[in-house]
Amino acid sequence: MSDVRPIELKRIDNKEKANDFINNSVKEIQKEVGNQKVLLALSGGVDSLVCAALLSKAIGKNLVCVHVNHGLLRLNESNLVIKAFKEKIGANLIYVDASDRFLDKLSGVSEPETKRKIIGKEFIEVFAEEARKLDDIKFLGQGTIYPDILESKGIKAHHNVGGLPDDLKFKLIEPIKFLYKDEVRQIGLALDLPKEMVFRQPFPGPGLGVRCVGAITRERLEIVRLTDAILREEFLNYKLNEKFWQYFTVVPDYKSVGVKDGKRTEEYFVVIRAINSVDATIATCPEIPYDILTKIRDRMLKEVEGINRVLVDISPKPPATIEWE
């Protein structure tokens, strides 16, 4: 199948068009899959959740999902994903904690594309190991969306664009591969997924691995995880979550000079990034009220060990990208 978005696919910008897409997709999936089983990697992001809900609507219990915790997720992320999935979708779910395995493989690796490839390769290997334990799986479902395809052409690698080992002869199903992020959300709403799931922030496949800039260490990974949790909590408290499309923290592998308890320190700094976008191809950086910024700053510096500065990234896309790596 061509990777060019079909001309006849109308822009999905309302519930009626979303329902038409769902009905057509369900028929196509049922026609292709029949009574066979589909295996899907569930990250917990909106793309994989909508893909899972669409497949579940079409084939019910013949959908089997695998959620791999690669140790690069946000605070309590796996627990939230599992809870939401079981309550709202209810297909078969397999949970795998491979945190140590991933972090060991990434130790000392700083080059961004190498990190992405290691994460992608290891993810595929873990997923393949689980797939080999299952019988009668004929199809592989993926939550690939159109920006993934576009950005994978010479810009950066995506964990869900690639293939499994040759011994796993699955046929690929990507029911939302020609949709932009805003269209995926329209589909999610039409599938009656709760708004808090549909409008969850986009989260990269490599997770916090691309926000722990440089060689990943458990120390900096924990700093990213804790500062990200503080940022999300305060954005929710002040309803900024309704005004920004995506917001997160980044911790580069670089220390700056500071002072604590009258003594010189060399500690990491945290960068806050908050952007607005429709389809991830263009992003702007609206202003964060300064009084809220100072509260976030104070909490991070007080509650998180190992940092002495908080910065704000206001670079639009283009020329910057949304993520730092």
C-alpha atoms as a PDB file:
ATOM      1  CA  MET A   1       0.000   0.000   0.000  1.00  0.00           C
ATOM      2  CA  SER A   2       1.192   3.518  -0.848  1.00  0.00           C
ATOM      3  CA  ASP A   3       2.341   5.771   1.976  1.00  0.00           C
ATOM      4  CA  VAL A   4       0.636   8.769   0.352  1.00  0.00           C
ATOM      5  CA  ARG A   5      -2.597   9.876   2.017  1.00  0.00           C
ATOM      6  CA  PRO A   6      -5.522   8.963  -0.287  1.00  0.00           C
ATOM      7  CA  ILE A   7      -7.059  11.958  -2.081  1.00  0.00           C
ATOM      8  CA  GLU A   8     -10.561  10.652  -1.392  1.00  0.00           C
ATOM      9  CA  LEU A   9     -10.010  10.655   2.388  1.00  0.00           C
ATOM     10  CA  LYS A  10     -11.920  13.721   3.578  1.00  0.00           C
ATOM     11  CA  ARG A  11     -10.590  15.768   6.468  1.00  0.00           C
ATOM     12  CA  ILE A  12     -12.103  14.236   9.643  1.00  0.00           C
ATOM     13  CA  ASP A  13     -13.187  17.326  11.579  1.00  0.00           C
ATOM     14  CA  ASN A  14     -16.583  16.376  13.013  1.00  0.00           C
ATOM     15  CA  LYS A  15     -18.391  13.421  14.556  1.00  0.00           C
ATOM     16  CA  GLU A  16     -20.298  12.524  11.393  1.00  0.00           C
ATOM     17  CA  LYS A  17     -17.105  12.117   9.361  1.00  0.00           C
ATOM     18  CA  ALA A  18     -15.512  10.247  12.268  1.00  0.00           C
ATOM     19  CA  ASN A  19     -18.420   7.806  12.414  1.00  0.00           C
ATOM     20  CA  ASP A  20     -18.182   7.244   8.655  1.00  0.00           C
ATOM     21  CA  PHE A  21     -14.471   6.491   9.024  1.00  0.00           C
ATOM     22  CA  ILE A  22     -15.127   4.088  11.923  1.00  0.00           C
ATOM     23  CA  ASN A  23     -17.888   2.225  10.079  1.00  0.00           C
ATOM     24  CA  ASN A  24     -15.778   1.871   6.939  1.00  0.00           C
ATOM     25  CA  SER A  25     -12.704   0.826   8.931  1.00  0.00           C
ATOM     26  CA  VAL A  26     -14.626  -1.795  10.925  1.00  0.00           C
ATOM     27  CA  LYS A  27     -15.939  -3.330   7.698  1.00  0.00           C
ATOM     28  CA  GLU A  28     -12.473  -3.345   6.135  1.00  0.00           C
ATOM     29  CA  ILE A  29     -10.884  -4.873   9.254  1.00  0.00           C
ATOM     30  CA  GLN A  30     -13.566  -7.556   9.545  1.00  0.00           C
ATOM     31  CA  LYS A  31     -13.263  -8.378   5.859  1.00  0.00           C
ATOM     32  CA  GLU A  32      -9.487  -8.713   6.059  1.00  0.00           C
ATOM     33  CA  VAL A  33      -9.123 -10.341   9.476  1.00  0.00           C
ATOM     34  CA  GLY A  34     -12.204 -12.533   9.626  1.00  0.00           C
ATOM     35  CA  ASN A  35     -12.023 -14.720  12.756  1.00  0.00           C
ATOM     36  CA  GLN A  36      -8.242 -14.465  13.082  1.00  0.00           C
ATOM     37  CA  LYS A  37      -6.400 -12.778  15.968  1.00  0.00           C
ATOM     38  CA  VAL A  38      -4.595  -9.447  15.896  1.00  0.00           C
ATOM     39  CA  LEU A  39      -1.627  -8.585  18.112  1.00  0.00           C
ATOM     40  CA  LEU A  40      -1.102  -4.919  19.044  1.00  0.00           C
ATOM     41  CA  ALA A  41       1.633  -3.111  20.973  1.00  0.00           C
ATOM     42  CA  LEU A  42      -0.109  -0.775  23.412  1.00  0.00           C
ATOM     43  CA  SER A  43       1.983   2.195  24.511  1.00  0.00           C
ATOM     44  CA  GLY A  44      -0.902   3.983  26.226  1.00  0.00           C
ATOM     45  CA  GLY A  45      -0.720   7.055  24.014  1.00  0.00           C
ATOM     46  CA  VAL A  46      -3.799   8.263  22.187  1.00  0.00           C
ATOM     47  CA  ASP A  47      -2.721   6.652  18.892  1.00  0.00           C
ATOM     48  CA  SER A  48      -2.370   3.124  20.256  1.00  0.00           C
ATOM     49  CA  LEU A  49      -5.483   3.465  22.424  1.00  0.00           C
ATOM     50  CA  VAL A  50      -7.639   4.628  19.514  1.00  0.00           C
ATOM     51  CA  CYS A  51      -6.169   1.898  17.331  1.00  0.00           C
ATOM     52  CA  ALA A  52      -6.960  -0.669  20.051  1.00  0.00           C
ATOM     53  CA  ALA A  53     -10.516   0.634  20.454  1.00  0.00           C
ATOM     54  CA  LEU A  54     -11.096   0.529  16.700  1.00  0.00           C
ATOM     55  CA  LEU A  55      -9.733  -2.999  16.384  1.00  0.00           C
ATOM     56  CA  SER A  56     -11.701  -4.116  19.447  1.00  0.00           C
ATOM     57  CA  LYS A  57     -14.900  -2.743  17.927  1.00  0.00           C
ATOM     58  CA  ALA A  58     -14.208  -4.767  14.801  1.00  0.00           C
ATOM     59  CA  ILE A  59     -12.950  -8.086  16.202  1.00  0.00           C
ATOM     60  CA  GLY A  60     -13.657  -8.034  19.966  1.00  0.00           C
ATOM     61  CA  LYS A  61     -11.756 -10.643  21.977  1.00  0.00           C
ATOM     62  CA  ASN A  62      -9.660 -11.601  18.966  1.00  0.00           C
ATOM     63  CA  LEU A  63      -7.521  -8.562  19.761  1.00  0.00           C
ATOM     64  CA  VAL A  64      -4.497  -9.237  21.990  1.00  0.00           C
ATOM     65  CA  CYS A  65      -2.539  -6.229  23.298  1.00  0.00           C
ATOM     66  CA  VAL A  66       0.972  -6.169  24.779  1.00  0.00           C
ATOM     67  CA  HIS A  67       2.051  -3.285  27.005  1.00  0.00           C
ATOM     68  CA  VAL A  68       5.830  -3.106  27.438  1.00  0.00           C
ATOM     69  CA  ASN A  69       7.187  -0.973  30.272  1.00  0.00           C
ATOM     70  CA  HIS A  70      10.601   0.033  28.928  1.00  0.00           C
ATOM     71  CA  GLY A  71      11.529   2.090  31.978  1.00  0.00           C
ATOM     72  CA  LEU A  72      11.185   5.332  30.007  1.00  0.00           C
ATOM     73  CA  LEU A  73       7.582   6.084  30.909  1.00  0.00           C
ATOM     74  CA  ARG A  74       6.226   8.975  32.950  1.00  0.00           C
ATOM     75  CA  LEU A  75       5.477   8.678  36.663  1.00  0.00           C
ATOM     76  CA  ASN A  76       2.952   5.848  37.306  1.00  0.00           C
ATOM     77  CA  GLU A  77       2.308   5.660  33.552  1.00  0.00           C
ATOM     78  CA  SER A  78       1.977   1.881  33.252  1.00  0.00           C
ATOM     79  CA  ASN A  79      -0.529   1.652  36.094  1.00  0.00           C
ATOM     80  CA  LEU A  80      -2.679   4.350  34.495  1.00  0.00           C
ATOM     81  CA  VAL A  81      -2.497   2.730  31.061  1.00  0.00           C
ATOM     82  CA  ILE A  82      -3.499  -0.689  32.364  1.00  0.00           C
ATOM     83  CA  LYS A  83      -6.378   0.723  34.435  1.00  0.00           C
ATOM     84  CA  ALA A  84      -7.760   2.829  31.581  1.00  0.00           C
ATOM     85  CA  PHE A  85      -7.424   0.010  29.068  1.00  0.00           C
ATOM     86  CA  LYS A  86      -9.202  -2.586  31.193  1.00  0.00           C
ATOM     87  CA  GLU A  87     -12.039  -0.192  32.068  1.00  0.00           C
ATOM     88  CA  LYS A  88     -12.635   1.278  28.625  1.00  0.00           C
ATOM     89  CA  ILE A  89     -11.530  -1.273  26.021  1.00  0.00           C
ATOM     90  CA  GLY A  90     -11.408  -4.621  27.770  1.00  0.00           C
ATOM     91  CA  ALA A  91      -9.545  -6.745  25.224  1.00  0.00           C
ATOM     92  CA  ASN A  92      -6.819  -9.194  26.207  1.00  0.00           C
ATOM     93  CA  LEU A  93      -3.808  -7.427  27.747  1.00  0.00           C
ATOM     94  CA  ILE A  94      -0.290  -8.743  28.477  1.00  0.00           C
ATOM     95  CA  TYR A  95       2.013  -6.603  30.675  1.00  0.00           C
ATOM     96  CA  VAL A  96       5.815  -6.889  30.456  1.00  0.00           C
ATOM     97  CA  ASP A  97       8.225  -5.002  32.742  1.00  0.00           C
ATOM     98  CA  ALA A  98      11.485  -4.745  30.765  1.00  0.00           C
ATOM     99  CA  SER A  99      12.830  -1.587  32.447  1.00  0.00           C
ATOM    100  CA  ASP A 100      16.227  -2.934  33.482  1.00  0.00           C
ATOM    101  CA  ARG A 101      16.739  -4.600  30.128  1.00  0.00           C
ATOM    102  CA  PHE A 102      16.236  -1.349  28.208  1.00  0.00           C
ATOM    103  CA  LEU A 103      18.276   0.837  30.555  1.00  0.00           C
ATOM    104  CA  ASP A 104      21.190  -1.616  30.491  1.00  0.00           C
ATOM    105  CA  LYS A 105      21.208  -1.550  26.671  1.00  0.00           C
ATOM    106  CA  LEU A 106      21.139   2.272  26.651  1.00  0.00           C
ATOM    107  CA  SER A 107      23.941   2.732  29.165  1.00  0.00           C
ATOM    108  CA  GLY A 108      26.587   5.134  27.828  1.00  0.00           C
ATOM    109  CA  VAL A 109      24.796   5.803  24.512  1.00  0.00           C
ATOM    110  CA  SER A 110      24.436   9.510  23.717  1.00  0.00           C
ATOM    111  CA  GLU A 111      23.811   9.790  19.960  1.00  0.00           C
ATOM    112  CA  PRO A 112      20.057  10.508  19.484  1.00  0.00           C
ATOM    113  CA  GLU A 113      19.370   8.254  16.505  1.00  0.00           C
ATOM    114  CA  THR A 114      21.378   5.414  18.049  1.00  0.00           C
ATOM    115  CA  LYS A 115      19.288   5.708  21.204  1.00  0.00           C
ATOM    116  CA  ARG A 116      16.069   5.621  19.180  1.00  0.00           C
ATOM    117  CA  LYS A 117      17.254   2.592  17.230  1.00  0.00           C
ATOM    118  CA  ILE A 118      18.270   0.716  20.395  1.00  0.00           C
ATOM    119  CA  ILE A 119      14.892   1.470  21.987  1.00  0.00           C
ATOM    120  CA  GLY A 120      13.077   0.436  18.812  1.00  0.00           C
ATOM    121  CA  LYS A 121      15.131  -2.731  18.346  1.00  0.00           C
ATOM    122  CA  GLU A 122      14.783  -3.790  21.975  1.00  0.00           C
ATOM    123  CA  PHE A 123      11.067  -3.056  21.905  1.00  0.00           C
ATOM    124  CA  ILE A 124      10.682  -5.266  18.849  1.00  0.00           C
ATOM    125  CA  GLU A 125      12.689  -8.061  20.498  1.00  0.00           C
ATOM    126  CA  VAL A 126      10.630  -7.946  23.711  1.00  0.00           C
ATOM    127  CA  PHE A 127       7.420  -7.808  21.709  1.00  0.00           C
ATOM    128  CA  ALA A 128       8.595 -10.694  19.504  1.00  0.00           C
ATOM    129  CA  GLU A 129       9.387 -12.816  22.555  1.00  0.00           C
ATOM    130  CA  GLU A 130       5.840 -12.326  23.806  1.00  0.00           C
ATOM    131  CA  ALA A 131       4.399 -12.966  20.346  1.00  0.00           C
ATOM    132  CA  ARG A 132       6.190 -16.325  20.121  1.00  0.00           C
ATOM    133  CA  LYS A 133       4.405 -17.427  23.294  1.00  0.00           C
ATOM    134  CA  LEU A 134       1.018 -16.957  21.619  1.00  0.00           C
ATOM    135  CA  ASP A 135      -0.781 -19.277  19.233  1.00  0.00           C
ATOM    136  CA  ASP A 136      -2.777 -18.505  16.111  1.00  0.00           C
ATOM    137  CA  ILE A 137      -1.779 -14.840  15.737  1.00  0.00           C
ATOM    138  CA  LYS A 138      -2.023 -13.910  12.072  1.00  0.00           C
ATOM    139  CA  PHE A 139      -2.048 -10.100  12.103  1.00  0.00           C
ATOM    140  CA  LEU A 140      -0.030  -7.303  13.668  1.00  0.00           C
ATOM    141  CA  GLY A 141      -1.847  -4.063  14.479  1.00  0.00           C
ATOM    142  CA  GLN A 142       0.027  -0.760  14.757  1.00  0.00           C
ATOM    143  CA  GLY A 143      -1.055   2.721  15.842  1.00  0.00           C
ATOM    144  CA  THR A 144       1.022   4.428  13.165  1.00  0.00           C
ATOM    145  CA  ILE A 145      -0.342   7.839  12.130  1.00  0.00           C
ATOM    146  CA  TYR A 146       0.496   9.971   9.114  1.00  0.00           C
ATOM    147  CA  PRO A 147       3.092  12.290  10.749  1.00  0.00           C
ATOM    148  CA  ASP A 148       5.010   9.121  11.768  1.00  0.00           C
ATOM    149  CA  ILE A 149       5.275   8.141   8.114  1.00  0.00           C
ATOM    150  CA  LEU A 150       6.256  11.628   6.971  1.00  0.00           C
ATOM    151  CA  GLU A 151       8.887  12.130   9.679  1.00  0.00           C
ATOM    152  CA  SER A 152      10.377   8.689   9.151  1.00  0.00           C
ATOM    153  CA  LYS A 153      11.438   9.687   5.630  1.00  0.00           C
ATOM    154  CA  GLY A 154      14.918  11.000   6.364  1.00  0.00           C
ATOM    155  CA  ILE A 155      14.225  12.900   9.586  1.00  0.00           C
ATOM    156  CA  LYS A 156      14.038  10.521  12.525  1.00  0.00           C
ATOM    157  CA  ALA A 157      13.266   6.925  13.377  1.00  0.00           C
ATOM    158  CA  HIS A 158       9.939   5.905  14.889  1.00  0.00           C
ATOM    159  CA  HIS A 159       9.526   2.791  16.993  1.00  0.00           C
ATOM    160  CA  ASN A 160       6.301   1.826  15.235  1.00  0.00           C
ATOM    161  CA  VAL A 161       7.665   2.048  11.687  1.00  0.00           C
ATOM    162  CA  GLY A 162       9.639  -1.073  11.004  1.00  0.00           C
ATOM    163  CA  GLY A 163       9.283  -4.836  11.183  1.00  0.00           C
ATOM    164  CA  LEU A 164       9.439  -7.905  13.355  1.00  0.00           C
ATOM    165  CA  PRO A 165      11.875 -10.814  12.834  1.00  0.00           C
ATOM    166  CA  ASP A 166      11.350 -12.944   9.719  1.00  0.00           C
ATOM    167  CA  ASP A 167      10.103 -15.926  11.712  1.00  0.00           C
ATOM    168  CA  LEU A 168       7.028 -13.941  12.740  1.00  0.00           C
ATOM    169  CA  LYS A 169       4.979 -13.895   9.573  1.00  0.00           C
ATOM    170  CA  PHE A 170       2.323 -11.380  10.565  1.00  0.00           C
ATOM    171  CA  LYS A 171       0.290  -9.348   8.134  1.00  0.00           C
ATOM    172  CA  LEU A 172       0.283  -5.667   9.073  1.00  0.00           C
ATOM    173  CA  ILE A 173      -2.857  -3.692   9.910  1.00  0.00           C
ATOM    174  CA  GLU A 174      -2.579   0.077  10.448  1.00  0.00           C
ATOM    175  CA  PRO A 175      -6.158   1.401  10.529  1.00  0.00           C
ATOM    176  CA  ILE A 176      -5.254   5.021  11.360  1.00  0.00           C
ATOM    177  CA  LYS A 177      -2.039   5.362   9.310  1.00  0.00           C
ATOM    178  CA  PHE A 178      -3.428   8.160   7.104  1.00  0.00           C
ATOM    179  CA  LEU A 179      -4.795  10.283   9.947  1.00  0.00           C
ATOM    180  CA  TYR A 180      -3.310  13.343  11.598  1.00  0.00           C
ATOM    181  CA  LYS A 181      -3.306  13.661  15.396  1.00  0.00           C
ATOM    182  CA  ASP A 182      -6.411  15.885  15.551  1.00  0.00           C
ATOM    183  CA  GLU A 183      -8.294  13.383  13.391  1.00  0.00           C
ATOM    184  CA  VAL A 184      -7.248  10.516  15.665  1.00  0.00           C
ATOM    185  CA  ARG A 185      -8.782  12.439  18.578  1.00  0.00           C
ATOM    186  CA  GLN A 186     -12.026  12.865  16.632  1.00  0.00           C
ATOM    187  CA  ILE A 187     -12.107   9.091  16.103  1.00  0.00           C
ATOM    188  CA  GLY A 188     -11.446   8.524  19.818  1.00  0.00           C
ATOM    189  CA  LEU A 189     -14.367  10.747  20.823  1.00  0.00           C
ATOM    190  CA  ALA A 190     -16.660   9.028  18.331  1.00  0.00           C
ATOM    191  CA  LEU A 191     -15.608   5.666  19.823  1.00  0.00           C
ATOM    192  CA  ASP A 192     -16.769   6.994  23.217  1.00  0.00           C
ATOM    193  CA  LEU A 193     -13.337   6.887  24.791  1.00  0.00           C
ATOM    194  CA  PRO A 194     -13.218   9.297  27.758  1.00  0.00           C
ATOM    195  CA  LYS A 195     -11.881  12.783  27.045  1.00  0.00           C
ATOM    196  CA  GLU A 196      -9.036  12.407  29.518  1.00  0.00           C
ATOM    197  CA  MET A 197      -7.746   9.513  27.380  1.00  0.00           C
ATOM    198  CA  VAL A 198      -8.437  11.095  24.009  1.00  0.00           C
ATOM    199  CA  PHE A 199      -6.780  14.381  24.910  1.00  0.00           C
ATOM    200  CA  ARG A 200      -3.817  12.935  26.728  1.00  0.00           C
ATOM    201  CA  GLN A 201      -0.616  14.559  25.663  1.00  0.00           C
ATOM    202  CA  PRO A 202       1.205  13.014  22.722  1.00  0.00           C
ATOM    203  CA  PHE A 203       4.039  10.881  24.049  1.00  0.00           C
ATOM    204  CA  PRO A 204       6.983   9.744  21.902  1.00  0.00           C
ATOM    205  CA  GLY A 205       7.598   6.045  21.349  1.00  0.00           C
ATOM    206  CA  PRO A 206      11.076   6.262  22.922  1.00  0.00           C
ATOM    207  CA  GLY A 207       9.417   7.924  25.923  1.00  0.00           C
ATOM    208  CA  LEU A 208      11.559   9.910  28.304  1.00  0.00           C
ATOM    209  CA  GLY A 209      14.591   8.580  26.467  1.00  0.00           C
ATOM    210  CA  VAL A 210      14.393  11.581  24.099  1.00  0.00           C
ATOM    211  CA  ARG A 211      13.883  13.993  27.000  1.00  0.00           C
ATOM    212  CA  CYS A 212      16.888  12.723  28.956  1.00  0.00           C
ATOM    213  CA  VAL A 213      19.166  14.350  26.393  1.00  0.00           C
ATOM    214  CA  GLY A 214      22.530  12.646  25.906  1.00  0.00           C
ATOM    215  CA  ALA A 215      23.513   9.363  27.535  1.00  0.00           C
ATOM    216  CA  ILE A 216      20.613   8.157  29.683  1.00  0.00           C
ATOM    217  CA  THR A 217      21.315   7.679  33.381  1.00  0.00           C
ATOM    218  CA  ARG A 218      18.885   6.527  36.024  1.00  0.00           C
ATOM    219  CA  GLU A 219      19.587   9.724  37.985  1.00  0.00           C
ATOM    220  CA  ARG A 220      18.635  12.083  35.159  1.00  0.00           C
ATOM    221  CA  LEU A 221      15.757   9.853  34.102  1.00  0.00           C
ATOM    222  CA  GLU A 222      14.311  10.224  37.601  1.00  0.00           C
ATOM    223  CA  ILE A 223      14.800  14.011  37.425  1.00  0.00           C
ATOM    224  CA  VAL A 224      12.890  14.118  34.130  1.00  0.00           C
ATOM    225  CA  ARG A 225      10.144  11.902  35.555  1.00  0.00           C
ATOM    226  CA  LEU A 226       9.659  13.923  38.753  1.00  0.00           C
ATOM    227  CA  THR A 227       9.845  17.381  37.153  1.00  0.00           C
ATOM    228  CA  ASP A 228       7.462  16.260  34.410  1.00  0.00           C
ATOM    229  CA  ALA A 229       4.993  15.117  37.086  1.00  0.00           C
ATOM    230  CA  ILE A 230       5.205  18.508  38.845  1.00  0.00           C
ATOM    231  CA  LEU A 231       4.683  20.366  35.561  1.00  0.00           C
ATOM    232  CA  ARG A 232       1.655  18.272  34.627  1.00  0.00           C
ATOM    233  CA  GLU A 233       0.164  18.624  38.108  1.00  0.00           C
ATOM    234  CA  GLU A 234       0.440  22.424  38.106  1.00  0.00           C
ATOM    235  CA  PHE A 235      -0.840  22.745  34.536  1.00  0.00           C
ATOM    236  CA  LEU A 236      -3.856  20.728  35.625  1.00  0.00           C
ATOM    237  CA  ASN A 237      -4.322  22.860  38.772  1.00  0.00           C
ATOM    238  CA  TYR A 238      -4.379  26.075  36.713  1.00  0.00           C
ATOM    239  CA  LYS A 239      -6.269  24.511  33.754  1.00  0.00           C
ATOM    240  CA  LEU A 240      -3.365  25.205  31.447  1.00  0.00           C
ATOM    241  CA  ASN A 241      -3.788  21.640  30.232  1.00  0.00           C
ATOM    242  CA  GLU A 242      -6.771  22.975  28.267  1.00  0.00           C
ATOM    243  CA  LYS A 243      -4.666  25.673  26.580  1.00  0.00           C
ATOM    244  CA  PHE A 244      -1.561  23.698  25.631  1.00  0.00           C
ATOM    245  CA  TRP A 245      -1.347  20.691  23.321  1.00  0.00           C
ATOM    246  CA  GLN A 246       1.823  19.258  24.850  1.00  0.00           C
ATOM    247  CA  TYR A 247       4.029  20.155  27.803  1.00  0.00           C
ATOM    248  CA  PHE A 248       6.972  18.342  29.344  1.00  0.00           C
ATOM    249  CA  THR A 249      10.459  18.716  30.803  1.00  0.00           C
ATOM    250  CA  VAL A 250      13.880  17.993  29.334  1.00  0.00           C
ATOM    251  CA  VAL A 251      17.145  17.365  31.197  1.00  0.00           C
ATOM    252  CA  PRO A 252      20.322  17.620  29.081  1.00  0.00           C
ATOM    253  CA  ASP A 253      23.505  15.810  30.046  1.00  0.00           C
ATOM    254  CA  TYR A 254      25.151  19.018  31.200  1.00  0.00           C
ATOM    255  CA  LYS A 255      25.709  20.558  34.612  1.00  0.00           C
ATOM    256  CA  SER A 256      25.707  24.226  35.583  1.00  0.00           C
ATOM    257  CA  VAL A 257      27.189  26.036  38.562  1.00  0.00           C
ATOM    258  CA  GLY A 258      24.901  26.924  41.436  1.00  0.00           C
ATOM    259  CA  VAL A 259      24.827  27.641  45.168  1.00  0.00           C
ATOM    260  CA  LYS A 260      23.103  25.642  47.913  1.00  0.00           C
ATOM    261  CA  ASP A 261      23.508  26.166  51.649  1.00  0.00           C
ATOM    262  CA  GLY A 262      26.289  28.652  50.940  1.00  0.00           C
ATOM    263  CA  LYS A 263      28.287  26.119  48.938  1.00  0.00           C
ATOM    264  CA  ARG A 264      29.091  25.904  45.236  1.00  0.00           C
ATOM    265  CA  THR A 265      27.260  23.129  43.397  1.00  0.00           C
ATOM    266  CA  GLU A 266      27.407  21.596  39.945  1.00  0.00           C
ATOM    267  CA  GLU A 267      24.000  20.136  39.123  1.00  0.00           C
ATOM    268  CA  TYR A 268      21.720  19.545  36.164  1.00  0.00           C
ATOM    269  CA  PHE A 269      19.210  22.042  34.801  1.00  0.00           C
ATOM    270  CA  VAL A 270      15.624  21.417  33.717  1.00  0.00           C
ATOM    271  CA  VAL A 271      14.018  22.833  30.580  1.00  0.00           C
ATOM    272  CA  ILE A 272      10.247  23.351  30.411  1.00  0.00           C
ATOM    273  CA  ARG A 273       8.675  22.996  26.953  1.00  0.00           C
ATOM    274  CA  ALA A 274       5.001  23.820  26.348  1.00  0.00           C
ATOM    275  CA  ILE A 275       3.606  24.028  22.822  1.00  0.00           C
ATOM    276  CA  ASN A 276       0.410  24.210  20.824  1.00  0.00           C
ATOM    277  CA  SER A 277      -0.171  22.276  17.619  1.00  0.00           C
ATOM    278  CA  VAL A 278      -2.926  20.667  15.589  1.00  0.00           C
ATOM    279  CA  ASP A 279      -1.151  17.873  13.765  1.00  0.00           C
ATOM    280  CA  ALA A 280       2.464  18.013  15.079  1.00  0.00           C
ATOM    281  CA  THR A 281       3.818  19.413  11.795  1.00  0.00           C
ATOM    282  CA  ILE A 282       3.811  23.029  13.083  1.00  0.00           C
ATOM    283  CA  ALA A 283       4.018  24.134  16.726  1.00  0.00           C
ATOM    284  CA  THR A 284       3.850  27.475  18.544  1.00  0.00           C
ATOM    285  CA  CYS A 285       4.818  28.436  22.098  1.00  0.00           C
ATOM    286  CA  PRO A 286       2.098  30.422  23.878  1.00  0.00           C
ATOM    287  CA  GLU A 287       3.080  32.349  26.997  1.00  0.00           C
ATOM    288  CA  ILE A 288       2.925  30.644  30.380  1.00  0.00           C
ATOM    289  CA  PRO A 289       1.809  33.153  33.075  1.00  0.00           C
ATOM    290  CA  TYR A 290       4.884  34.145  35.055  1.00  0.00           C
ATOM    291  CA  ASP A 291       3.316  33.607  38.483  1.00  0.00           C
ATOM    292  CA  ILE A 292       2.539  30.012  37.517  1.00  0.00           C
ATOM    293  CA  LEU A 293       6.029  29.556  36.105  1.00  0.00           C
ATOM    294  CA  THR A 294       7.603  30.729  39.354  1.00  0.00           C
ATOM    295  CA  LYS A 295       5.477  28.293  41.373  1.00  0.00           C
ATOM    296  CA  ILE A 296       6.511  25.442  39.090  1.00  0.00           C
ATOM    297  CA  ARG A 297      10.146  26.551  39.313  1.00  0.00           C
ATOM    298  CA  ASP A 298      10.053  26.731  43.112  1.00  0.00           C
ATOM    299  CA  ARG A 299       8.501  23.288  43.439  1.00  0.00           C
ATOM    300  CA  MET A 300      11.027  21.690  41.095  1.00  0.00           C
ATOM    301  CA  LEU A 301      14.032  23.258  42.827  1.00  0.00           C
ATOM    302  CA  LYS A 302      12.708  22.334  46.264  1.00  0.00           C
ATOM    303  CA  GLU A 303      11.307  18.866  45.627  1.00  0.00           C
ATOM    304  CA  VAL A 304      13.708  17.361  43.077  1.00  0.00           C
ATOM    305  CA  GLU A 305      17.293  16.507  44.018  1.00  0.00           C
ATOM    306  CA  GLY A 306      20.160  17.164  41.617  1.00  0.00           C
ATOM    307  CA  ILE A 307      19.028  20.352  39.834  1.00  0.00           C
ATOM    308  CA  ASN A 308      19.836  24.026  40.342  1.00  0.00           C
ATOM    309  CA  ARG A 309      18.214  25.787  37.368  1.00  0.00           C
ATOM    310  CA  VAL A 310      14.856  25.813  35.537  1.00  0.00           C
ATOM    311  CA  LEU A 311      14.721  27.172  31.975  1.00  0.00           C
ATOM    312  CA  VAL A 312      11.905  27.634  29.443  1.00  0.00           C
ATOM    313  CA  ASP A 313      12.146  26.692  25.749  1.00  0.00           C
ATOM    314  CA  ILE A 314      10.047  29.046  23.567  1.00  0.00           C
ATOM    315  CA  SER A 315      11.274  27.819  20.155  1.00  0.00           C
ATOM    316  CA  PRO A 316       8.531  27.142  17.550  1.00  0.00           C
ATOM    317  CA  LYS A 317       8.463  24.276  15.050  1.00  0.00           C
ATOM    318  CA  PRO A 318       9.995  24.987  12.574  1.00  0.00           C
ATOM    319  CA  PRO A 319      12.892  25.642  12.976  1.00  0.00           C
ATOM    320  CA  ALA A 320      12.940  23.565  16.197  1.00  0.00           C
ATOM    321  CA  THR A 321      11.221  20.210  16.567  1.00  0.00           C
ATOM    322  CA  ILE A 322       8.770  19.440  19.356  1.00  0.00           C
ATOM    323  CA  GLU A 323      11.131  17.033  21.108  1.00  0.00           C
ATOM    324  CA  TRP A 324      14.801  17.814  21.769  1.00  0.00           C
ATOM    325  CA  GLU A 325      16.069  14.563  20.235  1.00  0.00           C
END
